[in-house]
Amino acid sequence: MLNSSSWVVVGLDNGGNCNSATVLDGLGRFLVDRLVESPSRVREGPDVAIEALAGALDHVLGITGLRGSRCAQSALGRRGPPAPTV
């Protein structure tokens, strides 16, 4: 069983141009000192965009030297629906 010192949470933000990622440990400490950005590729279709998002997760975990099995949770942010026009 994972305890708070052995698991991490990955935060991902899927944007129109880039994916941003960060990692926090179980005690809420950031394990990277910046948002790690990579192309989102959303304009190439959903399959490509999902692969790019999975790549962003793998990349940020690689920067920390951690394996995906330590990731207890991920949080995904994305653009909401457009505001209605009046």
PDB file of N, CA and C in Angstrom:
ATOM      1  N   MET A   1       0.843  -1.188   0.000  1.00  0.00           N
ATOM      2  CA  MET A   1       0.000   0.000   0.000  1.00  0.00           C
ATOM      3  C   MET A   1       0.882   1.243   0.000  1.00  0.00           C
ATOM      4  N   LEU A   2       0.466   2.253  -0.775  1.00  0.00           N
ATOM      5  CA  LEU A   2       1.227   3.493  -0.851  1.00  0.00           C
ATOM      6  C   LEU A   2       0.908   4.383   0.340  1.00  0.00           C
ATOM      7  N   ASN A   3       1.931   5.009   0.912  1.00  0.00           N
ATOM      8  CA  ASN A   3       1.695   6.007   1.958  1.00  0.00           C
ATOM      9  C   ASN A   3       1.987   7.384   1.379  1.00  0.00           C
ATOM     10  N   SER A   4       1.715   8.439   2.126  1.00  0.00           N
ATOM     11  CA  SER A   4       1.813   9.797   1.586  1.00  0.00           C
ATOM     12  C   SER A   4       3.218  10.169   1.134  1.00  0.00           C
ATOM     13  N   SER A   5       4.232   9.465   1.568  1.00  0.00           N
ATOM     14  CA  SER A   5       5.582   9.787   1.123  1.00  0.00           C
ATOM     15  C   SER A   5       5.980   8.993  -0.112  1.00  0.00           C
ATOM     16  N   SER A   6       5.126   8.072  -0.563  1.00  0.00           N
ATOM     17  CA  SER A   6       5.513   7.255  -1.704  1.00  0.00           C
ATOM     18  C   SER A   6       4.672   7.497  -2.958  1.00  0.00           C
ATOM     19  N   TRP A   7       3.581   8.248  -2.857  1.00  0.00           N
ATOM     20  CA  TRP A   7       2.764   8.487  -4.038  1.00  0.00           C
ATOM     21  C   TRP A   7       2.830   9.941  -4.482  1.00  0.00           C
ATOM     22  N   VAL A   8       2.453  10.177  -5.723  1.00  0.00           N
ATOM     23  CA  VAL A   8       2.451  11.526  -6.286  1.00  0.00           C
ATOM     24  C   VAL A   8       1.136  11.780  -7.012  1.00  0.00           C
ATOM     25  N   VAL A   9       0.872  13.049  -7.230  1.00  0.00           N
ATOM     26  CA  VAL A   9      -0.260  13.505  -8.030  1.00  0.00           C
ATOM     27  C   VAL A   9       0.309  14.296  -9.195  1.00  0.00           C
ATOM     28  N   VAL A  10      -0.173  14.014 -10.385  1.00  0.00           N
ATOM     29  CA  VAL A  10       0.250  14.746 -11.575  1.00  0.00           C
ATOM     30  C   VAL A  10      -0.885  15.677 -11.978  1.00  0.00           C
ATOM     31  N   GLY A  11      -0.556  16.946 -12.164  1.00  0.00           N
ATOM     32  CA  GLY A  11      -1.514  17.925 -12.659  1.00  0.00           C
ATOM     33  C   GLY A  11      -1.249  18.189 -14.122  1.00  0.00           C
ATOM     34  N   LEU A  12      -2.282  18.089 -14.950  1.00  0.00           N
ATOM     35  CA  LEU A  12      -2.167  18.312 -16.387  1.00  0.00           C
ATOM     36  C   LEU A  12      -3.174  19.362 -16.816  1.00  0.00           C
ATOM     37  N   ASP A  13      -2.740  20.284 -17.662  1.00  0.00           N
ATOM     38  CA  ASP A  13      -3.638  21.271 -18.243  1.00  0.00           C
ATOM     39  C   ASP A  13      -3.548  21.135 -19.750  1.00  0.00           C
ATOM     40  N   ASN A  14      -4.656  20.787 -20.376  1.00  0.00           N
ATOM     41  CA  ASN A  14      -4.720  20.584 -21.821  1.00  0.00           C
ATOM     42  C   ASN A  14      -5.180  21.876 -22.469  1.00  0.00           C
ATOM     43  N   GLY A  15      -4.282  22.538 -23.166  1.00  0.00           N
ATOM     44  CA  GLY A  15      -4.600  23.806 -23.803  1.00  0.00           C
ATOM     45  C   GLY A  15      -4.659  23.691 -25.311  1.00  0.00           C
ATOM     46  N   GLY A  16      -5.035  24.778 -25.950  1.00  0.00           N
ATOM     47  CA  GLY A  16      -5.143  24.800 -27.401  1.00  0.00           C
ATOM     48  C   GLY A  16      -3.805  24.700 -28.110  1.00  0.00           C
ATOM     49  N   ASN A  17      -2.739  25.132 -27.455  1.00  0.00           N
ATOM     50  CA  ASN A  17      -1.404  25.077 -28.057  1.00  0.00           C
ATOM     51  C   ASN A  17      -0.459  24.139 -27.328  1.00  0.00           C
ATOM     52  N   CYS A  18      -0.582  24.075 -25.998  1.00  0.00           N
ATOM     53  CA  CYS A  18       0.355  23.236 -25.254  1.00  0.00           C
ATOM     54  C   CYS A  18      -0.324  22.573 -24.062  1.00  0.00           C
ATOM     55  N   ASN A  19       0.284  21.474 -23.648  1.00  0.00           N
ATOM     56  CA  ASN A  19      -0.066  20.818 -22.396  1.00  0.00           C
ATOM     57  C   ASN A  19       0.920  21.292 -21.354  1.00  0.00           C
ATOM     58  N   SER A  20       0.449  21.587 -20.167  1.00  0.00           N
ATOM     59  CA  SER A  20       1.305  21.956 -19.042  1.00  0.00           C
ATOM     60  C   SER A  20       1.154  20.894 -17.975  1.00  0.00           C
ATOM     61  N   ALA A  21       2.264  20.545 -17.326  1.00  0.00           N
ATOM     62  CA  ALA A  21       2.224  19.473 -16.335  1.00  0.00           C
ATOM     63  C   ALA A  21       3.083  19.828 -15.133  1.00  0.00           C
ATOM     64  N   THR A  22       2.698  19.301 -13.981  1.00  0.00           N
ATOM     65  CA  THR A  22       3.474  19.442 -12.754  1.00  0.00           C
ATOM     66  C   THR A  22       3.245  18.194 -11.906  1.00  0.00           C
ATOM     67  N   VAL A  23       4.070  18.010 -10.889  1.00  0.00           N
ATOM     68  CA  VAL A  23       3.960  16.840 -10.015  1.00  0.00           C
ATOM     69  C   VAL A  23       4.069  17.296  -8.568  1.00  0.00           C
ATOM     70  N   LEU A  24       3.178  16.790  -7.722  1.00  0.00           N
ATOM     71  CA  LEU A  24       3.228  17.033  -6.280  1.00  0.00           C
ATOM     72  C   LEU A  24       3.368  15.702  -5.568  1.00  0.00           C
ATOM     73  N   ASP A  25       4.096  15.710  -4.461  1.00  0.00           N
ATOM     74  CA  ASP A  25       4.182  14.487  -3.669  1.00  0.00           C
ATOM     75  C   ASP A  25       2.984  14.401  -2.726  1.00  0.00           C
ATOM     76  N   GLY A  26       2.905  13.335  -1.968  1.00  0.00           N
ATOM     77  CA  GLY A  26       1.783  13.096  -1.078  1.00  0.00           C
ATOM     78  C   GLY A  26       1.641  14.098   0.045  1.00  0.00           C
ATOM     79  N   LEU A  27       2.681  14.903   0.258  1.00  0.00           N
ATOM     80  CA  LEU A  27       2.629  15.940   1.284  1.00  0.00           C
ATOM     81  C   LEU A  27       2.334  17.319   0.695  1.00  0.00           C
ATOM     82  N   GLY A  28       2.059  17.366  -0.617  1.00  0.00           N
ATOM     83  CA  GLY A  28       1.708  18.620  -1.281  1.00  0.00           C
ATOM     84  C   GLY A  28       2.883  19.445  -1.750  1.00  0.00           C
ATOM     85  N   ARG A  29       4.071  18.869  -1.793  1.00  0.00           N
ATOM     86  CA  ARG A  29       5.262  19.600  -2.257  1.00  0.00           C
ATOM     87  C   ARG A  29       5.447  19.391  -3.753  1.00  0.00           C
ATOM     88  N   PHE A  30       5.731  20.497  -4.462  1.00  0.00           N
ATOM     89  CA  PHE A  30       5.996  20.408  -5.891  1.00  0.00           C
ATOM     90  C   PHE A  30       7.345  19.727  -6.113  1.00  0.00           C
ATOM     91  N   LEU A  31       7.381  18.790  -7.054  1.00  0.00           N
ATOM     92  CA  LEU A  31       8.614  18.079  -7.364  1.00  0.00           C
ATOM     93  C   LEU A  31       9.307  18.634  -8.598  1.00  0.00           C
ATOM     94  N   VAL A  32       8.672  19.578  -9.284  1.00  0.00           N
ATOM     95  CA  VAL A  32       9.303  20.320 -10.380  1.00  0.00           C
ATOM     96  C   VAL A  32       9.135  21.802 -10.068  1.00  0.00           C
ATOM     97  N   ASP A  33      10.078  22.610 -10.504  1.00  0.00           N
ATOM     98  CA  ASP A  33      10.070  24.027 -10.131  1.00  0.00           C
ATOM     99  C   ASP A  33       9.390  24.927 -11.158  1.00  0.00           C
ATOM    100  N   ARG A  34       8.692  24.306 -12.118  1.00  0.00           N
ATOM    101  CA  ARG A  34       8.013  25.080 -13.166  1.00  0.00           C
ATOM    102  C   ARG A  34       6.930  24.204 -13.782  1.00  0.00           C
ATOM    103  N   LEU A  35       6.078  24.793 -14.589  1.00  0.00           N
ATOM    104  CA  LEU A  35       5.168  23.996 -15.402  1.00  0.00           C
ATOM    105  C   LEU A  35       5.965  23.460 -16.582  1.00  0.00           C
ATOM    106  N   VAL A  36       5.857  22.192 -16.830  1.00  0.00           N
ATOM    107  CA  VAL A  36       6.559  21.553 -17.940  1.00  0.00           C
ATOM    108  C   VAL A  36       5.600  21.545 -19.121  1.00  0.00           C
ATOM    109  N   GLU A  37       5.989  22.204 -20.204  1.00  0.00           N
ATOM    110  CA  GLU A  37       5.103  22.355 -21.353  1.00  0.00           C
ATOM    111  C   GLU A  37       5.539  21.481 -22.519  1.00  0.00           C
ATOM    112  N   SER A  38       4.535  21.028 -23.278  1.00  0.00           N
ATOM    113  CA  SER A  38       4.770  20.265 -24.504  1.00  0.00           C
ATOM    114  C   SER A  38       3.596  20.551 -25.441  1.00  0.00           C
ATOM    115  N   PRO A  39       3.786  20.377 -26.754  1.00  0.00           N
ATOM    116  CA  PRO A  39       2.697  20.657 -27.698  1.00  0.00           C
ATOM    117  C   PRO A  39       1.471  19.791 -27.411  1.00  0.00           C
ATOM    118  N   SER A  40       0.278  20.409 -27.465  1.00  0.00           N
ATOM    119  CA  SER A  40      -0.953  19.652 -27.195  1.00  0.00           C
ATOM    120  C   SER A  40      -1.456  18.912 -28.426  1.00  0.00           C
ATOM    121  N   ARG A  41      -1.189  19.419 -29.592  1.00  0.00           N
ATOM    122  CA  ARG A  41      -1.559  18.797 -30.872  1.00  0.00           C
ATOM    123  C   ARG A  41      -3.059  18.585 -31.014  1.00  0.00           C
ATOM    124  N   VAL A  42      -3.861  19.405 -30.339  1.00  0.00           N
ATOM    125  CA  VAL A  42      -5.321  19.228 -30.371  1.00  0.00           C
ATOM    126  C   VAL A  42      -5.915  19.466 -31.753  1.00  0.00           C
ATOM    127  N   ARG A  43      -5.256  20.245 -32.568  1.00  0.00           N
ATOM    128  CA  ARG A  43      -5.792  20.540 -33.902  1.00  0.00           C
ATOM    129  C   ARG A  43      -5.588  19.377 -34.875  1.00  0.00           C
ATOM    130  N   GLU A  44      -4.867  18.340 -34.408  1.00  0.00           N
ATOM    131  CA  GLU A  44      -4.627  17.166 -35.249  1.00  0.00           C
ATOM    132  C   GLU A  44      -5.631  16.048 -34.969  1.00  0.00           C
ATOM    133  N   GLY A  45      -6.599  16.318 -34.113  1.00  0.00           N
ATOM    134  CA  GLY A  45      -7.642  15.335 -33.816  1.00  0.00           C
ATOM    135  C   GLY A  45      -7.493  14.725 -32.437  1.00  0.00           C
ATOM    136  N   PRO A  46      -8.573  14.120 -31.954  1.00  0.00           N
ATOM    137  CA  PRO A  46      -8.585  13.614 -30.584  1.00  0.00           C
ATOM    138  C   PRO A  46      -7.573  12.499 -30.312  1.00  0.00           C
ATOM    139  N   ASP A  47      -7.367  11.595 -31.241  1.00  0.00           N
ATOM    140  CA  ASP A  47      -6.416  10.505 -30.989  1.00  0.00           C
ATOM    141  C   ASP A  47      -5.003  11.038 -30.791  1.00  0.00           C
ATOM    142  N   VAL A  48      -4.607  11.964 -31.638  1.00  0.00           N
ATOM    143  CA  VAL A  48      -3.269  12.558 -31.529  1.00  0.00           C
ATOM    144  C   VAL A  48      -3.167  13.374 -30.245  1.00  0.00           C
ATOM    145  N   ALA A  49      -4.218  14.126 -29.922  1.00  0.00           N
ATOM    146  CA  ALA A  49      -4.209  14.964 -28.719  1.00  0.00           C
ATOM    147  C   ALA A  49      -4.115  14.118 -27.447  1.00  0.00           C
ATOM    148  N   ILE A  50      -4.808  12.993 -27.411  1.00  0.00           N
ATOM    149  CA  ILE A  50      -4.751  12.114 -26.239  1.00  0.00           C
ATOM    150  C   ILE A  50      -3.355  11.518 -26.092  1.00  0.00           C
ATOM    151  N   GLU A  51      -2.756  11.127 -27.201  1.00  0.00           N
ATOM    152  CA  GLU A  51      -1.378  10.613 -27.152  1.00  0.00           C
ATOM    153  C   GLU A  51      -0.416  11.693 -26.649  1.00  0.00           C
ATOM    154  N   ALA A  52      -0.620  12.940 -27.086  1.00  0.00           N
ATOM    155  CA  ALA A  52       0.235  14.038 -26.631  1.00  0.00           C
ATOM    156  C   ALA A  52       0.056  14.278 -25.135  1.00  0.00           C
ATOM    157  N   LEU A  53      -1.163  14.159 -24.643  1.00  0.00           N
ATOM    158  CA  LEU A  53      -1.434  14.332 -23.213  1.00  0.00           C
ATOM    159  C   LEU A  53      -0.784  13.212 -22.399  1.00  0.00           C
ATOM    160  N   ALA A  54      -0.893  11.980 -22.885  1.00  0.00           N
ATOM    161  CA  ALA A  54      -0.225  10.860 -22.206  1.00  0.00           C
ATOM    162  C   ALA A  54       1.287  11.060 -22.234  1.00  0.00           C
ATOM    163  N   GLY A  55       1.804  11.586 -23.339  1.00  0.00           N
ATOM    164  CA  GLY A  55       3.235  11.873 -23.430  1.00  0.00           C
ATOM    165  C   GLY A  55       3.660  12.946 -22.441  1.00  0.00           C
ATOM    166  N   ALA A  56       2.796  13.937 -22.216  1.00  0.00           N
ATOM    167  CA  ALA A  56       3.108  14.993 -21.239  1.00  0.00           C
ATOM    168  C   ALA A  56       3.210  14.409 -19.837  1.00  0.00           C
ATOM    169  N   LEU A  57       2.318  13.471 -19.510  1.00  0.00           N
ATOM    170  CA  LEU A  57       2.362  12.814 -18.212  1.00  0.00           C
ATOM    171  C   LEU A  57       3.668  12.022 -18.061  1.00  0.00           C
ATOM    172  N   ASP A  58       4.000  11.226 -19.068  1.00  0.00           N
ATOM    173  CA  ASP A  58       5.238  10.447 -19.022  1.00  0.00           C
ATOM    174  C   ASP A  58       6.462  11.355 -18.920  1.00  0.00           C
ATOM    175  N   HIS A  59       6.445  12.451 -19.663  1.00  0.00           N
ATOM    176  CA  HIS A  59       7.586  13.374 -19.681  1.00  0.00           C
ATOM    177  C   HIS A  59       7.816  14.011 -18.305  1.00  0.00           C
ATOM    178  N   VAL A  60       6.759  14.509 -17.684  1.00  0.00           N
ATOM    179  CA  VAL A  60       6.931  15.173 -16.383  1.00  0.00           C
ATOM    180  C   VAL A  60       7.346  14.171 -15.316  1.00  0.00           C
ATOM    181  N   LEU A  61       6.815  12.954 -15.377  1.00  0.00           N
ATOM    182  CA  LEU A  61       7.272  11.931 -14.429  1.00  0.00           C
ATOM    183  C   LEU A  61       8.736  11.592 -14.674  1.00  0.00           C
ATOM    184  N   GLY A  62       9.151  11.568 -15.948  1.00  0.00           N
ATOM    185  CA  GLY A  62      10.545  11.294 -16.275  1.00  0.00           C
ATOM    186  C   GLY A  62      11.486  12.356 -15.729  1.00  0.00           C
ATOM    187  N   ILE A  63      11.057  13.610 -15.749  1.00  0.00           N
ATOM    188  CA  ILE A  63      11.879  14.695 -15.203  1.00  0.00           C
ATOM    189  C   ILE A  63      12.112  14.482 -13.717  1.00  0.00           C
ATOM    190  N   THR A  64      11.111  13.978 -13.018  1.00  0.00           N
ATOM    191  CA  THR A  64      11.253  13.748 -11.576  1.00  0.00           C
ATOM    192  C   THR A  64      11.962  12.437 -11.268  1.00  0.00           C
ATOM    193  N   GLY A  65      12.128  11.589 -12.279  1.00  0.00           N
ATOM    194  CA  GLY A  65      12.757  10.296 -12.064  1.00  0.00           C
ATOM    195  C   GLY A  65      11.818   9.261 -11.480  1.00  0.00           C
ATOM    196  N   LEU A  66      10.514   9.541 -11.515  1.00  0.00           N
ATOM    197  CA  LEU A  66       9.526   8.629 -10.934  1.00  0.00           C
ATOM    198  C   LEU A  66       8.884   7.768 -12.011  1.00  0.00           C
ATOM    199  N   ARG A  67       8.346   6.650 -11.588  1.00  0.00           N
ATOM    200  CA  ARG A  67       7.606   5.771 -12.478  1.00  0.00           C
ATOM    201  C   ARG A  67       6.112   6.023 -12.320  1.00  0.00           C
ATOM    202  N   GLY A  68       5.357   5.715 -13.363  1.00  0.00           N
ATOM    203  CA  GLY A  68       3.917   5.921 -13.348  1.00  0.00           C
ATOM    204  C   GLY A  68       3.194   5.158 -12.258  1.00  0.00           C
ATOM    205  N   SER A  69       3.781   4.055 -11.779  1.00  0.00           N
ATOM    206  CA  SER A  69       3.126   3.273 -10.732  1.00  0.00           C
ATOM    207  C   SER A  69       3.037   4.042  -9.417  1.00  0.00           C
ATOM    208  N   ARG A  70       3.821   5.112  -9.277  1.00  0.00           N
ATOM    209  CA  ARG A  70       3.751   5.938  -8.062  1.00  0.00           C
ATOM    210  C   ARG A  70       2.656   6.997  -8.156  1.00  0.00           C
ATOM    211  N   CYS A  71       2.078   7.156  -9.339  1.00  0.00           N
ATOM    212  CA  CYS A  71       1.046   8.175  -9.551  1.00  0.00           C
ATOM    213  C   CYS A  71      -0.281   7.654  -9.025  1.00  0.00           C
ATOM    214  N   ALA A  72      -0.717   8.201  -7.895  1.00  0.00           N
ATOM    215  CA  ALA A  72      -1.974   7.781  -7.281  1.00  0.00           C
ATOM    216  C   ALA A  72      -3.168   8.495  -7.883  1.00  0.00           C
ATOM    217  N   GLN A  73      -2.924   9.660  -8.489  1.00  0.00           N
ATOM    218  CA  GLN A  73      -4.028  10.451  -8.998  1.00  0.00           C
ATOM    219  C   GLN A  73      -3.489  11.440 -10.018  1.00  0.00           C
ATOM    220  N   SER A  74      -4.339  11.808 -10.957  1.00  0.00           N
ATOM    221  CA  SER A  74      -4.001  12.893 -11.866  1.00  0.00           C
ATOM    222  C   SER A  74      -5.193  13.840 -11.909  1.00  0.00           C
ATOM    223  N   ALA A  75      -4.912  15.085 -12.170  1.00  0.00           N
ATOM    224  CA  ALA A  75      -5.952  16.103 -12.279  1.00  0.00           C
ATOM    225  C   ALA A  75      -5.807  16.758 -13.638  1.00  0.00           C
ATOM    226  N   LEU A  76      -6.880  16.844 -14.373  1.00  0.00           N
ATOM    227  CA  LEU A  76      -6.851  17.368 -15.725  1.00  0.00           C
ATOM    228  C   LEU A  76      -7.690  18.629 -15.815  1.00  0.00           C
ATOM    229  N   GLY A  77      -7.092  19.675 -16.335  1.00  0.00           N
ATOM    230  CA  GLY A  77      -7.815  20.906 -16.605  1.00  0.00           C
ATOM    231  C   GLY A  77      -7.894  21.091 -18.114  1.00  0.00           C
ATOM    232  N   ARG A  78      -8.998  21.594 -18.582  1.00  0.00           N
ATOM    233  CA  ARG A  78      -9.137  21.856 -20.007  1.00  0.00           C
ATOM    234  C   ARG A  78     -10.059  23.045 -20.202  1.00  0.00           C
ATOM    235  N   ARG A  79     -10.061  23.569 -21.375  1.00  0.00           N
ATOM    236  CA  ARG A  79     -10.910  24.701 -21.698  1.00  0.00           C
ATOM    237  C   ARG A  79     -12.372  24.293 -21.592  1.00  0.00           C
ATOM    238  N   GLY A  80     -13.146  25.163 -21.016  1.00  0.00           N
ATOM    239  CA  GLY A  80     -14.580  24.915 -20.915  1.00  0.00           C
ATOM    240  C   GLY A  80     -15.291  25.311 -22.188  1.00  0.00           C
ATOM    241  N   PRO A  81     -16.600  25.185 -22.205  1.00  0.00           N
ATOM    242  CA  PRO A  81     -17.359  25.573 -23.391  1.00  0.00           C
ATOM    243  C   PRO A  81     -17.265  27.075 -23.619  1.00  0.00           C
ATOM    244  N   PRO A  82     -17.373  27.487 -24.878  1.00  0.00           N
ATOM    245  CA  PRO A  82     -17.303  28.927 -25.155  1.00  0.00           C
ATOM    246  C   PRO A  82     -18.447  29.672 -24.468  1.00  0.00           C
ATOM    247  N   ALA A  83     -18.173  30.907 -24.119  1.00  0.00           N
ATOM    248  CA  ALA A  83     -19.209  31.752 -23.507  1.00  0.00           C
ATOM    249  C   ALA A  83     -20.297  32.057 -24.541  1.00  0.00           C
ATOM    250  N   PRO A  84     -21.533  32.037 -24.126  1.00  0.00           N
ATOM    251  CA  PRO A  84     -22.615  32.355 -25.070  1.00  0.00           C
ATOM    252  C   PRO A  84     -22.515  33.799 -25.542  1.00  0.00           C
ATOM    253  N   THR A  85     -22.859  34.017 -26.766  1.00  0.00           N
ATOM    254  CA  THR A  85     -22.878  35.385 -27.295  1.00  0.00           C
ATOM    255  C   THR A  85     -24.281  35.946 -27.151  1.00  0.00           C
ATOM    256  N   VAL A  86     -24.337  37.238 -26.931  1.00  0.00           N
ATOM    257  CA  VAL A  86     -25.644  37.887 -26.734  1.00  0.00           C
ATOM    258  C   VAL A  86     -26.101  38.534 -27.996  1.00  0.00           C
TER     259      VAL A  86
END
